[in-house]
């Protein structure tokens, strides 16, 4: 009975599961890229409107403290930010190019 219910669930919800996985992967890679931009010193908390106020309201100093790093680490994180940006753009282009194939699957 459970196997039959699972097959029915997959038949009607596969599209939702696939698109949710793709979008979460895309948003996760974008978030990680922005985190690398912060760690690399390219973006600072003051550059993002409202982020400093939101962190101050929550009393969260962990995020700001984690952004303090030495120059060698900043350079490595900056490189990772640029690589992450290229990967995000390629992933987005791949999803856009294959959206019909994904929809039909």
C-alpha atoms as a PDB file:
ATOM      1  CA  UNK A   1       0.000   0.000   0.000  1.00  0.00           C
ATOM      2  CA  UNK A   2       2.810   2.418   0.856  1.00  0.00           C
ATOM      3  CA  UNK A   3       4.606   1.621  -2.386  1.00  0.00           C
ATOM      4  CA  UNK A   4       1.491   2.437  -4.385  1.00  0.00           C
ATOM      5  CA  UNK A   5       0.985   5.691  -2.453  1.00  0.00           C
ATOM      6  CA  UNK A   6       4.641   6.592  -3.082  1.00  0.00           C
ATOM      7  CA  UNK A   7       4.246   5.989  -6.820  1.00  0.00           C
ATOM      8  CA  UNK A   8       1.117   8.162  -6.957  1.00  0.00           C
ATOM      9  CA  UNK A   9       2.907  10.875  -4.970  1.00  0.00           C
ATOM     10  CA  UNK A  10       5.889  10.804  -7.350  1.00  0.00           C
ATOM     11  CA  UNK A  11       3.650  10.873 -10.406  1.00  0.00           C
ATOM     12  CA  UNK A  12       1.923  14.088  -9.368  1.00  0.00           C
ATOM     13  CA  UNK A  13       4.686  15.841  -7.399  1.00  0.00           C
ATOM     14  CA  UNK A  14       7.867  15.071  -9.345  1.00  0.00           C
ATOM     15  CA  UNK A  15       7.834  18.433 -11.109  1.00  0.00           C
ATOM     16  CA  UNK A  16       7.549  20.291  -7.814  1.00  0.00           C
ATOM     17  CA  UNK A  17      10.335  18.245  -6.231  1.00  0.00           C
ATOM     18  CA  UNK A  18      12.674  18.742  -9.203  1.00  0.00           C
ATOM     19  CA  UNK A  19      12.086  22.506  -9.491  1.00  0.00           C
ATOM     20  CA  UNK A  20      12.401  22.963  -5.717  1.00  0.00           C
ATOM     21  CA  UNK A  21      15.736  21.151  -5.753  1.00  0.00           C
ATOM     22  CA  UNK A  22      16.996  23.207  -8.705  1.00  0.00           C
ATOM     23  CA  UNK A  23      15.911  26.535  -7.201  1.00  0.00           C
ATOM     24  CA  UNK A  24      17.304  25.728  -3.746  1.00  0.00           C
ATOM     25  CA  UNK A  25      20.615  24.772  -5.344  1.00  0.00           C
ATOM     26  CA  UNK A  26      20.676  28.035  -7.293  1.00  0.00           C
ATOM     27  CA  UNK A  27      19.744  30.199  -4.286  1.00  0.00           C
ATOM     28  CA  UNK A  28      22.209  28.335  -2.062  1.00  0.00           C
ATOM     29  CA  UNK A  29      25.055  28.920  -4.503  1.00  0.00           C
ATOM     30  CA  UNK A  30      24.125  32.611  -4.759  1.00  0.00           C
ATOM     31  CA  UNK A  31      24.070  32.923  -0.958  1.00  0.00           C
ATOM     32  CA  UNK A  32      27.454  31.193  -0.661  1.00  0.00           C
ATOM     33  CA  UNK A  33      28.886  33.502  -3.327  1.00  0.00           C
ATOM     34  CA  UNK A  34      27.681  36.583  -1.435  1.00  0.00           C
ATOM     35  CA  UNK A  35      29.195  35.173   1.756  1.00  0.00           C
ATOM     36  CA  UNK A  36      32.517  34.849  -0.074  1.00  0.00           C
ATOM     37  CA  UNK A  37      32.146  38.454  -1.228  1.00  0.00           C
ATOM     38  CA  UNK A  38      31.743  39.506   2.404  1.00  0.00           C
ATOM     39  CA  UNK A  39      34.700  37.394   3.568  1.00  0.00           C
ATOM     40  CA  UNK A  40      36.828  38.643   0.694  1.00  0.00           C
ATOM     41  CA  UNK A  41      36.247  42.249   1.706  1.00  0.00           C
ATOM     42  CA  UNK A  42      34.643  43.111  -1.619  1.00  0.00           C
ATOM     43  CA  UNK A  43      31.291  43.768   0.052  1.00  0.00           C
ATOM     44  CA  UNK A  44      31.108  45.123   3.569  1.00  0.00           C
ATOM     45  CA  UNK A  45      28.125  45.135   5.880  1.00  0.00           C
ATOM     46  CA  UNK A  46      27.758  48.907   5.513  1.00  0.00           C
ATOM     47  CA  UNK A  47      27.360  48.557   1.719  1.00  0.00           C
ATOM     48  CA  UNK A  48      24.167  46.494   2.007  1.00  0.00           C
ATOM     49  CA  UNK A  49      21.193  48.685   2.970  1.00  0.00           C
ATOM     50  CA  UNK A  50      19.409  47.451   6.064  1.00  0.00           C
ATOM     51  CA  UNK A  51      21.805  44.580   6.829  1.00  0.00           C
ATOM     52  CA  UNK A  52      23.680  46.435   9.538  1.00  0.00           C
ATOM     53  CA  UNK A  53      20.411  47.492  11.203  1.00  0.00           C
ATOM     54  CA  UNK A  54      18.983  43.977  10.982  1.00  0.00           C
ATOM     55  CA  UNK A  55      22.092  42.484  12.552  1.00  0.00           C
ATOM     56  CA  UNK A  56      22.072  45.128  15.291  1.00  0.00           C
ATOM     57  CA  UNK A  57      18.414  44.426  16.113  1.00  0.00           C
ATOM     58  CA  UNK A  58      19.090  40.718  16.421  1.00  0.00           C
ATOM     59  CA  UNK A  59      22.189  41.358  18.479  1.00  0.00           C
ATOM     60  CA  UNK A  60      24.065  38.965  16.223  1.00  0.00           C
ATOM     61  CA  UNK A  61      27.768  39.775  16.310  1.00  0.00           C
ATOM     62  CA  UNK A  62      28.804  36.317  15.121  1.00  0.00           C
ATOM     63  CA  UNK A  63      28.348  37.206  11.443  1.00  0.00           C
ATOM     64  CA  UNK A  64      30.339  40.424  11.756  1.00  0.00           C
ATOM     65  CA  UNK A  65      33.071  38.704  13.766  1.00  0.00           C
ATOM     66  CA  UNK A  66      33.344  35.927  11.197  1.00  0.00           C
ATOM     67  CA  UNK A  67      34.086  38.523   8.522  1.00  0.00           C
ATOM     68  CA  UNK A  68      37.374  39.524  10.155  1.00  0.00           C
ATOM     69  CA  UNK A  69      40.198  37.750   8.349  1.00  0.00           C
ATOM     70  CA  UNK A  70      43.787  38.362   7.319  1.00  0.00           C
ATOM     71  CA  UNK A  71      44.890  39.582   3.893  1.00  0.00           C
ATOM     72  CA  UNK A  72      45.837  36.131   2.557  1.00  0.00           C
ATOM     73  CA  UNK A  73      42.435  34.752   3.453  1.00  0.00           C
ATOM     74  CA  UNK A  74      40.710  37.796   1.990  1.00  0.00           C
ATOM     75  CA  UNK A  75      42.459  37.261  -1.314  1.00  0.00           C
ATOM     76  CA  UNK A  76      41.499  33.560  -1.353  1.00  0.00           C
ATOM     77  CA  UNK A  77      37.882  34.414  -0.504  1.00  0.00           C
ATOM     78  CA  UNK A  78      37.820  37.085  -3.214  1.00  0.00           C
ATOM     79  CA  UNK A  79      38.974  34.524  -5.763  1.00  0.00           C
ATOM     80  CA  UNK A  80      36.319  32.098  -4.510  1.00  0.00           C
ATOM     81  CA  UNK A  81      33.719  34.864  -4.845  1.00  0.00           C
ATOM     82  CA  UNK A  82      34.651  35.415  -8.488  1.00  0.00           C
ATOM     83  CA  UNK A  83      34.665  31.673  -9.203  1.00  0.00           C
ATOM     84  CA  UNK A  84      31.305  31.369  -7.432  1.00  0.00           C
ATOM     85  CA  UNK A  85      29.907  34.184  -9.548  1.00  0.00           C
ATOM     86  CA  UNK A  86      30.930  32.411 -12.746  1.00  0.00           C
ATOM     87  CA  UNK A  87      29.453  29.139 -11.468  1.00  0.00           C
ATOM     88  CA  UNK A  88      26.173  30.850 -10.533  1.00  0.00           C
ATOM     89  CA  UNK A  89      25.896  32.438 -13.963  1.00  0.00           C
ATOM     90  CA  UNK A  90      26.624  29.112 -15.665  1.00  0.00           C
ATOM     91  CA  UNK A  91      24.095  27.322 -13.452  1.00  0.00           C
ATOM     92  CA  UNK A  92      21.441  29.932 -14.198  1.00  0.00           C
ATOM     93  CA  UNK A  93      22.146  29.731 -17.934  1.00  0.00           C
ATOM     94  CA  UNK A  94      21.953  25.930 -17.788  1.00  0.00           C
ATOM     95  CA  UNK A  95      18.602  26.007 -15.988  1.00  0.00           C
ATOM     96  CA  UNK A  96      17.217  28.540 -18.469  1.00  0.00           C
ATOM     97  CA  UNK A  97      18.485  26.543 -21.455  1.00  0.00           C
ATOM     98  CA  UNK A  98      17.104  23.237 -20.162  1.00  0.00           C
ATOM     99  CA  UNK A  99      13.823  24.453 -18.631  1.00  0.00           C
ATOM    100  CA  UNK A 100      11.678  22.760 -21.291  1.00  0.00           C
ATOM    101  CA  UNK A 101      13.509  19.457 -20.900  1.00  0.00           C
ATOM    102  CA  UNK A 102      13.208  19.699 -17.124  1.00  0.00           C
ATOM    103  CA  UNK A 103       9.502  20.514 -17.371  1.00  0.00           C
ATOM    104  CA  UNK A 104       8.847  17.519 -19.641  1.00  0.00           C
ATOM    105  CA  UNK A 105      10.739  15.050 -17.466  1.00  0.00           C
END
